[in-house]
Amino acid sequence: MNSDLGTYHIRVQFTNGTGYLCVVQTGRRYTEGAQGCHPLDAEAILPPFTNEEELFSALKYQHLEGNHSCDCNRLSFLASVAGQPLTESPPCGHTLELQTLTAIRPDGTEHLLWKQP
């Protein structure tokens, strides 16, 4: 059965010294909406993970091979955390190299998900 594992943070560090923290909510979610706002007819979705191992596997995939692995998204995230305007079409590619990917648990302990070989 899926359960709410709590709020995790992911520290994404690149080889050029930049990086960011992002929040991962593992609890109940709602359909549609963005940035925490949802229409009144939104439906509740059960938590997506049954254990921490599933969560960590999904996070590694997302950052190493999935949507967060492309330069266009990584540059958008970096601009957002720096308070800079987002460019209309950041370049796609895989030039912004990941150095480490670390999960920070709700209790503050850390788990290294990936480190550049």
PDB file of N, CA and C in Angstrom:
ATOM      1  N   MET A   1       0.841  -1.186   0.000  1.00  0.00           N
ATOM      2  CA  MET A   1       0.000   0.000   0.000  1.00  0.00           C
ATOM      3  C   MET A   1       0.885   1.248   0.000  1.00  0.00           C
ATOM      4  N   ASN A   2       0.505   2.218  -0.792  1.00  0.00           N
ATOM      5  CA  ASN A   2       1.263   3.465  -0.870  1.00  0.00           C
ATOM      6  C   ASN A   2       1.051   4.289   0.390  1.00  0.00           C
ATOM      7  N   SER A   3       2.095   5.041   0.767  1.00  0.00           N
ATOM      8  CA  SER A   3       1.994   5.830   1.990  1.00  0.00           C
ATOM      9  C   SER A   3       2.732   7.153   1.837  1.00  0.00           C
ATOM     10  N   ASP A   4       2.379   8.087   2.694  1.00  0.00           N
ATOM     11  CA  ASP A   4       3.032   9.391   2.720  1.00  0.00           C
ATOM     12  C   ASP A   4       4.352   9.235   3.458  1.00  0.00           C
ATOM     13  N   LEU A   5       5.458   9.375   2.732  1.00  0.00           N
ATOM     14  CA  LEU A   5       6.785   9.244   3.328  1.00  0.00           C
ATOM     15  C   LEU A   5       7.284  10.561   3.911  1.00  0.00           C
ATOM     16  N   GLY A   6       6.546  11.634   3.677  1.00  0.00           N
ATOM     17  CA  GLY A   6       6.947  12.943   4.170  1.00  0.00           C
ATOM     18  C   GLY A   6       7.486  13.833   3.065  1.00  0.00           C
ATOM     19  N   THR A   7       8.038  14.966   3.462  1.00  0.00           N
ATOM     20  CA  THR A   7       8.592  15.927   2.512  1.00  0.00           C
ATOM     21  C   THR A   7      10.098  15.748   2.428  1.00  0.00           C
ATOM     22  N   TYR A   8      10.578  15.437   1.252  1.00  0.00           N
ATOM     23  CA  TYR A   8      12.011  15.280   0.993  1.00  0.00           C
ATOM     24  C   TYR A   8      12.509  16.494   0.226  1.00  0.00           C
ATOM     25  N   HIS A   9      13.798  16.740   0.315  1.00  0.00           N
ATOM     26  CA  HIS A   9      14.453  17.755  -0.511  1.00  0.00           C
ATOM     27  C   HIS A   9      15.532  17.043  -1.309  1.00  0.00           C
ATOM     28  N   ILE A  10      15.757  17.497  -2.519  1.00  0.00           N
ATOM     29  CA  ILE A  10      16.789  16.931  -3.368  1.00  0.00           C
ATOM     30  C   ILE A  10      17.809  18.019  -3.654  1.00  0.00           C
ATOM     31  N   ARG A  11      19.072  17.740  -3.319  1.00  0.00           N
ATOM     32  CA  ARG A  11      20.159  18.673  -3.618  1.00  0.00           C
ATOM     33  C   ARG A  11      20.783  18.233  -4.937  1.00  0.00           C
ATOM     34  N   VAL A  12      20.699  19.115  -5.928  1.00  0.00           N
ATOM     35  CA  VAL A  12      21.238  18.855  -7.257  1.00  0.00           C
ATOM     36  C   VAL A  12      22.466  19.742  -7.420  1.00  0.00           C
ATOM     37  N   GLN A  13      23.651  19.129  -7.548  1.00  0.00           N
ATOM     38  CA  GLN A  13      24.893  19.894  -7.692  1.00  0.00           C
ATOM     39  C   GLN A  13      25.547  19.536  -9.026  1.00  0.00           C
ATOM     40  N   PHE A  14      25.990  20.581  -9.745  1.00  0.00           N
ATOM     41  CA  PHE A  14      26.624  20.398 -11.040  1.00  0.00           C
ATOM     42  C   PHE A  14      28.131  20.578 -10.926  1.00  0.00           C
ATOM     43  N   THR A  15      28.862  20.075 -11.917  1.00  0.00           N
ATOM     44  CA  THR A  15      30.321  20.130 -11.888  1.00  0.00           C
ATOM     45  C   THR A  15      30.845  21.558 -11.992  1.00  0.00           C
ATOM     46  N   ASN A  16      30.027  22.499 -12.483  1.00  0.00           N
ATOM     47  CA  ASN A  16      30.469  23.891 -12.594  1.00  0.00           C
ATOM     48  C   ASN A  16      30.267  24.679 -11.294  1.00  0.00           C
ATOM     49  N   GLY A  17      29.835  23.997 -10.223  1.00  0.00           N
ATOM     50  CA  GLY A  17      29.658  24.651  -8.925  1.00  0.00           C
ATOM     51  C   GLY A  17      28.266  25.180  -8.656  1.00  0.00           C
ATOM     52  N   THR A  18      27.384  25.156  -9.641  1.00  0.00           N
ATOM     53  CA  THR A  18      26.017  25.616  -9.429  1.00  0.00           C
ATOM     54  C   THR A  18      25.144  24.459  -8.965  1.00  0.00           C
ATOM     55  N   GLY A  19      23.918  24.766  -8.609  1.00  0.00           N
ATOM     56  CA  GLY A  19      22.976  23.736  -8.207  1.00  0.00           C
ATOM     57  C   GLY A  19      21.742  24.346  -7.583  1.00  0.00           C
ATOM     58  N   TYR A  20      20.886  23.495  -7.080  1.00  0.00           N
ATOM     59  CA  TYR A  20      19.648  23.961  -6.465  1.00  0.00           C
ATOM     60  C   TYR A  20      19.087  22.862  -5.568  1.00  0.00           C
ATOM     61  N   LEU A  21      18.140  23.244  -4.731  1.00  0.00           N
ATOM     62  CA  LEU A  21      17.368  22.312  -3.913  1.00  0.00           C
ATOM     63  C   LEU A  21      15.946  22.290  -4.447  1.00  0.00           C
ATOM     64  N   CYS A  22      15.353  21.118  -4.505  1.00  0.00           N
ATOM     65  CA  CYS A  22      13.937  21.064  -4.887  1.00  0.00           C
ATOM     66  C   CYS A  22      13.193  20.214  -3.853  1.00  0.00           C
ATOM     67  N   VAL A  23      11.920  20.488  -3.724  1.00  0.00           N
ATOM     68  CA  VAL A  23      11.072  19.832  -2.740  1.00  0.00           C
ATOM     69  C   VAL A  23      10.297  18.704  -3.417  1.00  0.00           C
ATOM     70  N   VAL A  24      10.214  17.573  -2.727  1.00  0.00           N
ATOM     71  CA  VAL A  24       9.437  16.441  -3.217  1.00  0.00           C
ATOM     72  C   VAL A  24       8.417  16.068  -2.148  1.00  0.00           C
ATOM     73  N   GLN A  25       7.147  16.261  -2.469  1.00  0.00           N
ATOM     74  CA  GLN A  25       6.066  15.883  -1.559  1.00  0.00           C
ATOM     75  C   GLN A  25       5.651  14.459  -1.901  1.00  0.00           C
ATOM     76  N   THR A  26       5.641  13.563  -0.935  1.00  0.00           N
ATOM     77  CA  THR A  26       5.303  12.173  -1.224  1.00  0.00           C
ATOM     78  C   THR A  26       3.878  11.813  -0.825  1.00  0.00           C
ATOM     79  N   GLY A  27       3.127  12.763  -0.322  1.00  0.00           N
ATOM     80  CA  GLY A  27       1.777  12.487   0.158  1.00  0.00           C
ATOM     81  C   GLY A  27       0.714  12.646  -0.904  1.00  0.00           C
ATOM     82  N   ARG A  28      -0.492  12.820  -0.436  1.00  0.00           N
ATOM     83  CA  ARG A  28      -1.655  12.946  -1.306  1.00  0.00           C
ATOM     84  C   ARG A  28      -1.473  14.104  -2.286  1.00  0.00           C
ATOM     85  N   ARG A  29      -1.887  13.875  -3.514  1.00  0.00           N
ATOM     86  CA  ARG A  29      -1.816  14.888  -4.559  1.00  0.00           C
ATOM     87  C   ARG A  29      -3.201  15.078  -5.153  1.00  0.00           C
ATOM     88  N   TYR A  30      -3.326  16.089  -6.006  1.00  0.00           N
ATOM     89  CA  TYR A  30      -4.598  16.345  -6.674  1.00  0.00           C
ATOM     90  C   TYR A  30      -4.383  16.473  -8.169  1.00  0.00           C
ATOM     91  N   THR A  31      -5.390  16.081  -8.927  1.00  0.00           N
ATOM     92  CA  THR A  31      -5.312  16.193 -10.377  1.00  0.00           C
ATOM     93  C   THR A  31      -5.362  17.652 -10.789  1.00  0.00           C
ATOM     94  N   GLU A  32      -4.724  17.943 -11.893  1.00  0.00           N
ATOM     95  CA  GLU A  32      -4.719  19.274 -12.498  1.00  0.00           C
ATOM     96  C   GLU A  32      -4.135  20.324 -11.565  1.00  0.00           C
ATOM     97  N   GLY A  33      -4.073  21.554 -12.046  1.00  0.00           N
ATOM     98  CA  GLY A  33      -3.534  22.646 -11.245  1.00  0.00           C
ATOM     99  C   GLY A  33      -2.021  22.709 -11.305  1.00  0.00           C
ATOM    100  N   ALA A  34      -1.481  23.766 -10.748  1.00  0.00           N
ATOM    101  CA  ALA A  34      -0.036  23.966 -10.722  1.00  0.00           C
ATOM    102  C   ALA A  34       0.337  24.783  -9.503  1.00  0.00           C
ATOM    103  N   GLN A  35       1.566  24.613  -9.061  1.00  0.00           N
ATOM    104  CA  GLN A  35       2.109  25.432  -7.971  1.00  0.00           C
ATOM    105  C   GLN A  35       1.241  25.391  -6.716  1.00  0.00           C
ATOM    106  N   GLY A  36       0.615  24.257  -6.439  1.00  0.00           N
ATOM    107  CA  GLY A  36      -0.172  24.130  -5.218  1.00  0.00           C
ATOM    108  C   GLY A  36      -1.598  24.628  -5.330  1.00  0.00           C
ATOM    109  N   CYS A  37      -2.016  25.155  -6.475  1.00  0.00           N
ATOM    110  CA  CYS A  37      -3.395  25.608  -6.674  1.00  0.00           C
ATOM    111  C   CYS A  37      -4.104  24.628  -7.595  1.00  0.00           C
ATOM    112  N   HIS A  38      -5.320  24.266  -7.239  1.00  0.00           N
ATOM    113  CA  HIS A  38      -6.068  23.277  -8.000  1.00  0.00           C
ATOM    114  C   HIS A  38      -7.504  23.746  -8.188  1.00  0.00           C
ATOM    115  N   PRO A  39      -8.152  23.328  -9.285  1.00  0.00           N
ATOM    116  CA  PRO A  39      -9.565  23.678  -9.463  1.00  0.00           C
ATOM    117  C   PRO A  39     -10.416  22.959  -8.416  1.00  0.00           C
ATOM    118  N   LEU A  40     -11.608  23.472  -8.181  1.00  0.00           N
ATOM    119  CA  LEU A  40     -12.471  22.891  -7.153  1.00  0.00           C
ATOM    120  C   LEU A  40     -12.898  21.466  -7.471  1.00  0.00           C
ATOM    121  N   ASP A  41     -12.843  21.075  -8.726  1.00  0.00           N
ATOM    122  CA  ASP A  41     -13.250  19.718  -9.087  1.00  0.00           C
ATOM    123  C   ASP A  41     -12.059  18.753  -9.149  1.00  0.00           C
ATOM    124  N   ALA A  42     -10.913  19.150  -8.625  1.00  0.00           N
ATOM    125  CA  ALA A  42      -9.738  18.283  -8.620  1.00  0.00           C
ATOM    126  C   ALA A  42     -10.015  17.038  -7.775  1.00  0.00           C
ATOM    127  N   GLU A  43      -9.460  15.920  -8.222  1.00  0.00           N
ATOM    128  CA  GLU A  43      -9.642  14.668  -7.493  1.00  0.00           C
ATOM    129  C   GLU A  43      -8.353  14.286  -6.777  1.00  0.00           C
ATOM    130  N   ALA A  44      -8.499  13.726  -5.595  1.00  0.00           N
ATOM    131  CA  ALA A  44      -7.344  13.296  -4.814  1.00  0.00           C
ATOM    132  C   ALA A  44      -6.699  12.067  -5.455  1.00  0.00           C
ATOM    133  N   ILE A  45      -5.371  12.033  -5.441  1.00  0.00           N
ATOM    134  CA  ILE A  45      -4.599  10.896  -5.933  1.00  0.00           C
ATOM    135  C   ILE A  45      -3.815  10.356  -4.742  1.00  0.00           C
ATOM    136  N   LEU A  46      -3.807   9.056  -4.582  1.00  0.00           N
ATOM    137  CA  LEU A  46      -3.074   8.453  -3.473  1.00  0.00           C
ATOM    138  C   LEU A  46      -1.579   8.713  -3.602  1.00  0.00           C
ATOM    139  N   PRO A  47      -0.837   8.643  -2.506  1.00  0.00           N
ATOM    140  CA  PRO A  47       0.621   8.811  -2.572  1.00  0.00           C
ATOM    141  C   PRO A  47       1.213   7.829  -3.591  1.00  0.00           C
ATOM    142  N   PRO A  48       2.220   8.266  -4.365  1.00  0.00           N
ATOM    143  CA  PRO A  48       2.728   7.429  -5.450  1.00  0.00           C
ATOM    144  C   PRO A  48       3.752   6.364  -5.052  1.00  0.00           C
ATOM    145  N   PHE A  49       4.266   6.380  -3.833  1.00  0.00           N
ATOM    146  CA  PHE A  49       5.341   5.464  -3.463  1.00  0.00           C
ATOM    147  C   PHE A  49       4.949   4.596  -2.276  1.00  0.00           C
ATOM    148  N   THR A  50       5.469   3.356  -2.260  1.00  0.00           N
ATOM    149  CA  THR A  50       5.207   2.472  -1.126  1.00  0.00           C
ATOM    150  C   THR A  50       6.350   2.479  -0.125  1.00  0.00           C
ATOM    151  N   ASN A  51       7.562   2.867  -0.601  1.00  0.00           N
ATOM    152  CA  ASN A  51       8.705   2.886   0.305  1.00  0.00           C
ATOM    153  C   ASN A  51       9.779   3.837  -0.239  1.00  0.00           C
ATOM    154  N   GLU A  52      10.783   4.060   0.566  1.00  0.00           N
ATOM    155  CA  GLU A  52      11.848   4.995   0.214  1.00  0.00           C
ATOM    156  C   GLU A  52      12.654   4.506  -0.999  1.00  0.00           C
ATOM    157  N   GLU A  53      12.817   3.219  -1.137  1.00  0.00           N
ATOM    158  CA  GLU A  53      13.560   2.674  -2.270  1.00  0.00           C
ATOM    159  C   GLU A  53      12.895   3.051  -3.593  1.00  0.00           C
ATOM    160  N   GLU A  54      11.581   2.956  -3.663  1.00  0.00           N
ATOM    161  CA  GLU A  54      10.845   3.359  -4.873  1.00  0.00           C
ATOM    162  C   GLU A  54      11.017   4.852  -5.135  1.00  0.00           C
ATOM    163  N   LEU A  55      10.917   5.653  -4.084  1.00  0.00           N
ATOM    164  CA  LEU A  55      11.094   7.101  -4.223  1.00  0.00           C
ATOM    165  C   LEU A  55      12.472   7.425  -4.766  1.00  0.00           C
ATOM    166  N   PHE A  56      13.516   6.843  -4.175  1.00  0.00           N
ATOM    167  CA  PHE A  56      14.883   7.129  -4.608  1.00  0.00           C
ATOM    168  C   PHE A  56      15.117   6.682  -6.052  1.00  0.00           C
ATOM    169  N   SER A  57      14.569   5.553  -6.437  1.00  0.00           N
ATOM    170  CA  SER A  57      14.705   5.076  -7.808  1.00  0.00           C
ATOM    171  C   SER A  57      14.061   6.054  -8.787  1.00  0.00           C
ATOM    172  N   ALA A  58      12.880   6.538  -8.457  1.00  0.00           N
ATOM    173  CA  ALA A  58      12.179   7.500  -9.323  1.00  0.00           C
ATOM    174  C   ALA A  58      12.951   8.813  -9.429  1.00  0.00           C
ATOM    175  N   LEU A  59      13.509   9.272  -8.324  1.00  0.00           N
ATOM    176  CA  LEU A  59      14.264  10.531  -8.335  1.00  0.00           C
ATOM    177  C   LEU A  59      15.536  10.410  -9.157  1.00  0.00           C
ATOM    178  N   LYS A  60      16.238   9.300  -9.034  1.00  0.00           N
ATOM    179  CA  LYS A  60      17.443   9.086  -9.836  1.00  0.00           C
ATOM    180  C   LYS A  60      17.091   9.086 -11.326  1.00  0.00           C
ATOM    181  N   TYR A  61      16.052   8.355 -11.681  1.00  0.00           N
ATOM    182  CA  TYR A  61      15.648   8.310 -13.090  1.00  0.00           C
ATOM    183  C   TYR A  61      15.305   9.712 -13.600  1.00  0.00           C
ATOM    184  N   GLN A  62      14.508  10.435 -12.837  1.00  0.00           N
ATOM    185  CA  GLN A  62      14.066  11.769 -13.256  1.00  0.00           C
ATOM    186  C   GLN A  62      15.244  12.703 -13.528  1.00  0.00           C
ATOM    187  N   HIS A  63      16.275  12.639 -12.692  1.00  0.00           N
ATOM    188  CA  HIS A  63      17.412  13.555 -12.830  1.00  0.00           C
ATOM    189  C   HIS A  63      18.524  13.050 -13.745  1.00  0.00           C
ATOM    190  N   LEU A  64      18.617  11.730 -13.946  1.00  0.00           N
ATOM    191  CA  LEU A  64      19.690  11.180 -14.773  1.00  0.00           C
ATOM    192  C   LEU A  64      19.239  10.870 -16.203  1.00  0.00           C
ATOM    193  N   GLU A  65      17.972  10.500 -16.377  1.00  0.00           N
ATOM    194  CA  GLU A  65      17.487  10.119 -17.696  1.00  0.00           C
ATOM    195  C   GLU A  65      16.178  10.797 -18.075  1.00  0.00           C
ATOM    196  N   GLY A  66      15.425  11.241 -17.107  1.00  0.00           N
ATOM    197  CA  GLY A  66      14.100  11.791 -17.348  1.00  0.00           C
ATOM    198  C   GLY A  66      14.104  13.274 -17.664  1.00  0.00           C
ATOM    199  N   ASN A  67      12.985  13.909 -17.395  1.00  0.00           N
ATOM    200  CA  ASN A  67      12.745  15.306 -17.756  1.00  0.00           C
ATOM    201  C   ASN A  67      13.747  16.285 -17.134  1.00  0.00           C
ATOM    202  N   HIS A  68      14.258  15.986 -15.959  1.00  0.00           N
ATOM    203  CA  HIS A  68      15.193  16.895 -15.290  1.00  0.00           C
ATOM    204  C   HIS A  68      16.642  16.693 -15.720  1.00  0.00           C
ATOM    205  N   SER A  69      16.879  15.820 -16.699  1.00  0.00           N
ATOM    206  CA  SER A  69      18.247  15.556 -17.149  1.00  0.00           C
ATOM    207  C   SER A  69      18.675  16.446 -18.313  1.00  0.00           C
ATOM    208  N   CYS A  70      17.747  17.170 -18.898  1.00  0.00           N
ATOM    209  CA  CYS A  70      18.048  18.002 -20.070  1.00  0.00           C
ATOM    210  C   CYS A  70      18.465  19.419 -19.652  1.00  0.00           C
ATOM    211  N   ASP A  71      19.411  19.976 -20.385  1.00  0.00           N
ATOM    212  CA  ASP A  71      19.890  21.333 -20.092  1.00  0.00           C
ATOM    213  C   ASP A  71      18.762  22.357 -20.047  1.00  0.00           C
ATOM    214  N   CYS A  72      17.767  22.222 -20.935  1.00  0.00           N
ATOM    215  CA  CYS A  72      16.709  23.239 -20.969  1.00  0.00           C
ATOM    216  C   CYS A  72      15.985  23.323 -19.631  1.00  0.00           C
ATOM    217  N   ASN A  73      15.685  22.179 -19.019  1.00  0.00           N
ATOM    218  CA  ASN A  73      15.034  22.190 -17.710  1.00  0.00           C
ATOM    219  C   ASN A  73      15.994  22.593 -16.603  1.00  0.00           C
ATOM    220  N   ARG A  74      17.202  22.077 -16.648  1.00  0.00           N
ATOM    221  CA  ARG A  74      18.180  22.421 -15.610  1.00  0.00           C
ATOM    222  C   ARG A  74      18.476  23.915 -15.604  1.00  0.00           C
ATOM    223  N   LEU A  75      18.609  24.517 -16.769  1.00  0.00           N
ATOM    224  CA  LEU A  75      18.853  25.963 -16.852  1.00  0.00           C
ATOM    225  C   LEU A  75      17.646  26.752 -16.354  1.00  0.00           C
ATOM    226  N   SER A  76      16.455  26.262 -16.639  1.00  0.00           N
ATOM    227  CA  SER A  76      15.234  26.920 -16.146  1.00  0.00           C
ATOM    228  C   SER A  76      15.172  26.873 -14.625  1.00  0.00           C
ATOM    229  N   PHE A  77      15.514  25.714 -14.036  1.00  0.00           N
ATOM    230  CA  PHE A  77      15.516  25.593 -12.575  1.00  0.00           C
ATOM    231  C   PHE A  77      16.545  26.534 -11.957  1.00  0.00           C
ATOM    232  N   LEU A  78      17.740  26.582 -12.546  1.00  0.00           N
ATOM    233  CA  LEU A  78      18.790  27.466 -12.026  1.00  0.00           C
ATOM    234  C   LEU A  78      18.381  28.926 -12.112  1.00  0.00           C
ATOM    235  N   ALA A  79      17.776  29.331 -13.220  1.00  0.00           N
ATOM    236  CA  ALA A  79      17.319  30.715 -13.364  1.00  0.00           C
ATOM    237  C   ALA A  79      16.244  31.027 -12.326  1.00  0.00           C
ATOM    238  N   SER A  80      15.338  30.101 -12.122  1.00  0.00           N
ATOM    239  CA  SER A  80      14.248  30.311 -11.167  1.00  0.00           C
ATOM    240  C   SER A  80      14.768  30.510  -9.748  1.00  0.00           C
ATOM    241  N   VAL A  81      15.704  29.657  -9.294  1.00  0.00           N
ATOM    242  CA  VAL A  81      16.206  29.792  -7.925  1.00  0.00           C
ATOM    243  C   VAL A  81      17.086  31.021  -7.760  1.00  0.00           C
ATOM    244  N   ALA A  82      17.648  31.526  -8.871  1.00  0.00           N
ATOM    245  CA  ALA A  82      18.480  32.733  -8.808  1.00  0.00           C
ATOM    246  C   ALA A  82      17.633  33.996  -8.952  1.00  0.00           C
ATOM    247  N   GLY A  83      16.314  33.824  -9.163  1.00  0.00           N
ATOM    248  CA  GLY A  83      15.435  34.981  -9.322  1.00  0.00           C
ATOM    249  C   GLY A  83      15.614  35.685 -10.654  1.00  0.00           C
ATOM    250  N   GLN A  84      16.142  34.977 -11.640  1.00  0.00           N
ATOM    251  CA  GLN A  84      16.352  35.557 -12.964  1.00  0.00           C
ATOM    252  C   GLN A  84      15.187  35.182 -13.870  1.00  0.00           C
ATOM    253  N   PRO A  85      14.921  36.010 -14.860  1.00  0.00           N
ATOM    254  CA  PRO A  85      13.843  35.668 -15.787  1.00  0.00           C
ATOM    255  C   PRO A  85      14.211  34.423 -16.599  1.00  0.00           C
ATOM    256  N   LEU A  86      13.199  33.639 -16.912  1.00  0.00           N
ATOM    257  CA  LEU A  86      13.420  32.445 -17.705  1.00  0.00           C
ATOM    258  C   LEU A  86      13.503  32.822 -19.178  1.00  0.00           C
ATOM    259  N   THR A  87      14.464  32.252 -19.870  1.00  0.00           N
ATOM    260  CA  THR A  87      14.546  32.505 -21.308  1.00  0.00           C
ATOM    261  C   THR A  87      13.437  31.724 -21.989  1.00  0.00           C
ATOM    262  N   GLU A  88      12.990  32.227 -23.141  1.00  0.00           N
ATOM    263  CA  GLU A  88      11.872  31.587 -23.828  1.00  0.00           C
ATOM    264  C   GLU A  88      12.177  30.155 -24.215  1.00  0.00           C
ATOM    265  N   SER A  89      13.334  29.920 -24.774  1.00  0.00           N
ATOM    266  CA  SER A  89      13.705  28.573 -25.210  1.00  0.00           C
ATOM    267  C   SER A  89      15.151  28.279 -24.838  1.00  0.00           C
ATOM    268  N   PRO A  90      15.385  27.857 -23.588  1.00  0.00           N
ATOM    269  CA  PRO A  90      16.758  27.505 -23.238  1.00  0.00           C
ATOM    270  C   PRO A  90      17.219  26.350 -24.126  1.00  0.00           C
ATOM    271  N   PRO A  91      18.504  26.292 -24.446  1.00  0.00           N
ATOM    272  CA  PRO A  91      18.986  25.238 -25.339  1.00  0.00           C
ATOM    273  C   PRO A  91      18.863  23.851 -24.710  1.00  0.00           C
ATOM    274  N   CYS A  92      18.447  22.890 -25.531  1.00  0.00           N
ATOM    275  CA  CYS A  92      18.404  21.503 -25.076  1.00  0.00           C
ATOM    276  C   CYS A  92      19.783  20.879 -25.248  1.00  0.00           C
ATOM    277  N   GLY A  93      20.024  19.842 -24.529  1.00  0.00           N
ATOM    278  CA  GLY A  93      21.299  19.139 -24.612  1.00  0.00           C
ATOM    279  C   GLY A  93      21.641  18.526 -23.276  1.00  0.00           C
ATOM    280  N   HIS A  94      22.876  18.072 -23.174  1.00  0.00           N
ATOM    281  CA  HIS A  94      23.345  17.445 -21.939  1.00  0.00           C
ATOM    282  C   HIS A  94      24.762  17.912 -21.632  1.00  0.00           C
ATOM    283  N   THR A  95      24.937  19.236 -21.611  1.00  0.00           N
ATOM    284  CA  THR A  95      26.258  19.798 -21.347  1.00  0.00           C
ATOM    285  C   THR A  95      26.448  20.178 -19.881  1.00  0.00           C
ATOM    286  N   LEU A  96      25.366  20.438 -19.163  1.00  0.00           N
ATOM    287  CA  LEU A  96      25.425  20.797 -17.746  1.00  0.00           C
ATOM    288  C   LEU A  96      25.515  19.486 -16.956  1.00  0.00           C
ATOM    289  N   GLU A  97      26.732  19.129 -16.557  1.00  0.00           N
ATOM    290  CA  GLU A  97      26.977  17.816 -15.959  1.00  0.00           C
ATOM    291  C   GLU A  97      26.650  17.777 -14.474  1.00  0.00           C
ATOM    292  N   LEU A  98      25.950  16.730 -14.109  1.00  0.00           N
ATOM    293  CA  LEU A  98      25.593  16.502 -12.718  1.00  0.00           C
ATOM    294  C   LEU A  98      26.813  15.978 -11.960  1.00  0.00           C
ATOM    295  N   GLN A  99      27.076  16.556 -10.792  1.00  0.00           N
ATOM    296  CA  GLN A  99      28.177  16.079  -9.937  1.00  0.00           C
ATOM    297  C   GLN A  99      27.643  15.131  -8.880  1.00  0.00           C
ATOM    298  N   THR A 100      26.630  15.595  -8.133  1.00  0.00           N
ATOM    299  CA  THR A 100      26.003  14.744  -7.116  1.00  0.00           C
ATOM    300  C   THR A 100      24.509  15.006  -7.065  1.00  0.00           C
ATOM    301  N   LEU A 101      23.808  13.988  -6.623  1.00  0.00           N
ATOM    302  CA  LEU A 101      22.371  14.064  -6.414  1.00  0.00           C
ATOM    303  C   LEU A 101      22.119  13.457  -5.037  1.00  0.00           C
ATOM    304  N   THR A 102      21.605  14.271  -4.110  1.00  0.00           N
ATOM    305  CA  THR A 102      21.458  13.845  -2.720  1.00  0.00           C
ATOM    306  C   THR A 102      20.028  14.052  -2.252  1.00  0.00           C
ATOM    307  N   ALA A 103      19.464  13.027  -1.633  1.00  0.00           N
ATOM    308  CA  ALA A 103      18.137  13.139  -1.024  1.00  0.00           C
ATOM    309  C   ALA A 103      18.299  13.537   0.436  1.00  0.00           C
ATOM    310  N   ILE A 104      17.510  14.500   0.869  1.00  0.00           N
ATOM    311  CA  ILE A 104      17.501  14.918   2.275  1.00  0.00           C
ATOM    312  C   ILE A 104      16.145  14.499   2.836  1.00  0.00           C
ATOM    313  N   ARG A 105      16.199  13.586   3.783  1.00  0.00           N
ATOM    314  CA  ARG A 105      14.981  13.025   4.356  1.00  0.00           C
ATOM    315  C   ARG A 105      14.268  14.056   5.248  1.00  0.00           C
ATOM    316  N   PRO A 106      12.995  13.771   5.578  1.00  0.00           N
ATOM    317  CA  PRO A 106      12.257  14.671   6.474  1.00  0.00           C
ATOM    318  C   PRO A 106      12.944  14.888   7.824  1.00  0.00           C
ATOM    319  N   ASP A 107      13.717  13.899   8.299  1.00  0.00           N
ATOM    320  CA  ASP A 107      14.403  14.056   9.589  1.00  0.00           C
ATOM    321  C   ASP A 107      15.755  14.762   9.460  1.00  0.00           C
ATOM    322  N   GLY A 108      16.134  15.161   8.218  1.00  0.00           N
ATOM    323  CA  GLY A 108      17.371  15.900   8.004  1.00  0.00           C
ATOM    324  C   GLY A 108      18.559  15.040   7.614  1.00  0.00           C
ATOM    325  N   THR A 109      18.449  13.725   7.747  1.00  0.00           N
ATOM    326  CA  THR A 109      19.552  12.866   7.325  1.00  0.00           C
ATOM    327  C   THR A 109      19.611  12.848   5.802  1.00  0.00           C
ATOM    328  N   GLU A 110      20.792  12.551   5.269  1.00  0.00           N
ATOM    329  CA  GLU A 110      21.000  12.596   3.822  1.00  0.00           C
ATOM    330  C   GLU A 110      21.334  11.225   3.270  1.00  0.00           C
ATOM    331  N   HIS A 111      20.959  11.031   2.011  1.00  0.00           N
ATOM    332  CA  HIS A 111      21.276   9.788   1.309  1.00  0.00           C
ATOM    333  C   HIS A 111      21.779  10.155  -0.077  1.00  0.00           C
ATOM    334  N   LEU A 112      23.021   9.780  -0.385  1.00  0.00           N
ATOM    335  CA  LEU A 112      23.593  10.054  -1.689  1.00  0.00           C
ATOM    336  C   LEU A 112      22.937   9.141  -2.724  1.00  0.00           C
ATOM    337  N   LEU A 113      22.243   9.751  -3.689  1.00  0.00           N
ATOM    338  CA  LEU A 113      21.579   8.995  -4.725  1.00  0.00           C
ATOM    339  C   LEU A 113      22.508   8.675  -5.883  1.00  0.00           C
ATOM    340  N   TRP A 114      23.378   9.622  -6.196  1.00  0.00           N
ATOM    341  CA  TRP A 114      24.277   9.449  -7.345  1.00  0.00           C
ATOM    342  C   TRP A 114      25.451  10.392  -7.208  1.00  0.00           C
ATOM    343  N   LYS A 115      26.617   9.917  -7.652  1.00  0.00           N
ATOM    344  CA  LYS A 115      27.825  10.737  -7.674  1.00  0.00           C
ATOM    345  C   LYS A 115      28.539  10.479  -8.990  1.00  0.00           C
ATOM    346  N   GLN A 116      29.051  11.540  -9.599  1.00  0.00           N
ATOM    347  CA  GLN A 116      29.753  11.388 -10.869  1.00  0.00           C
ATOM    348  C   GLN A 116      30.951  10.457 -10.679  1.00  0.00           C
ATOM    349  N   PRO A 117      31.054   9.442 -11.561  1.00  0.00           N
ATOM    350  CA  PRO A 117      32.179   8.501 -11.420  1.00  0.00           C
ATOM    351  C   PRO A 117      33.519   9.170 -11.668  1.00  0.00           C
TER     352      PRO A 117
END
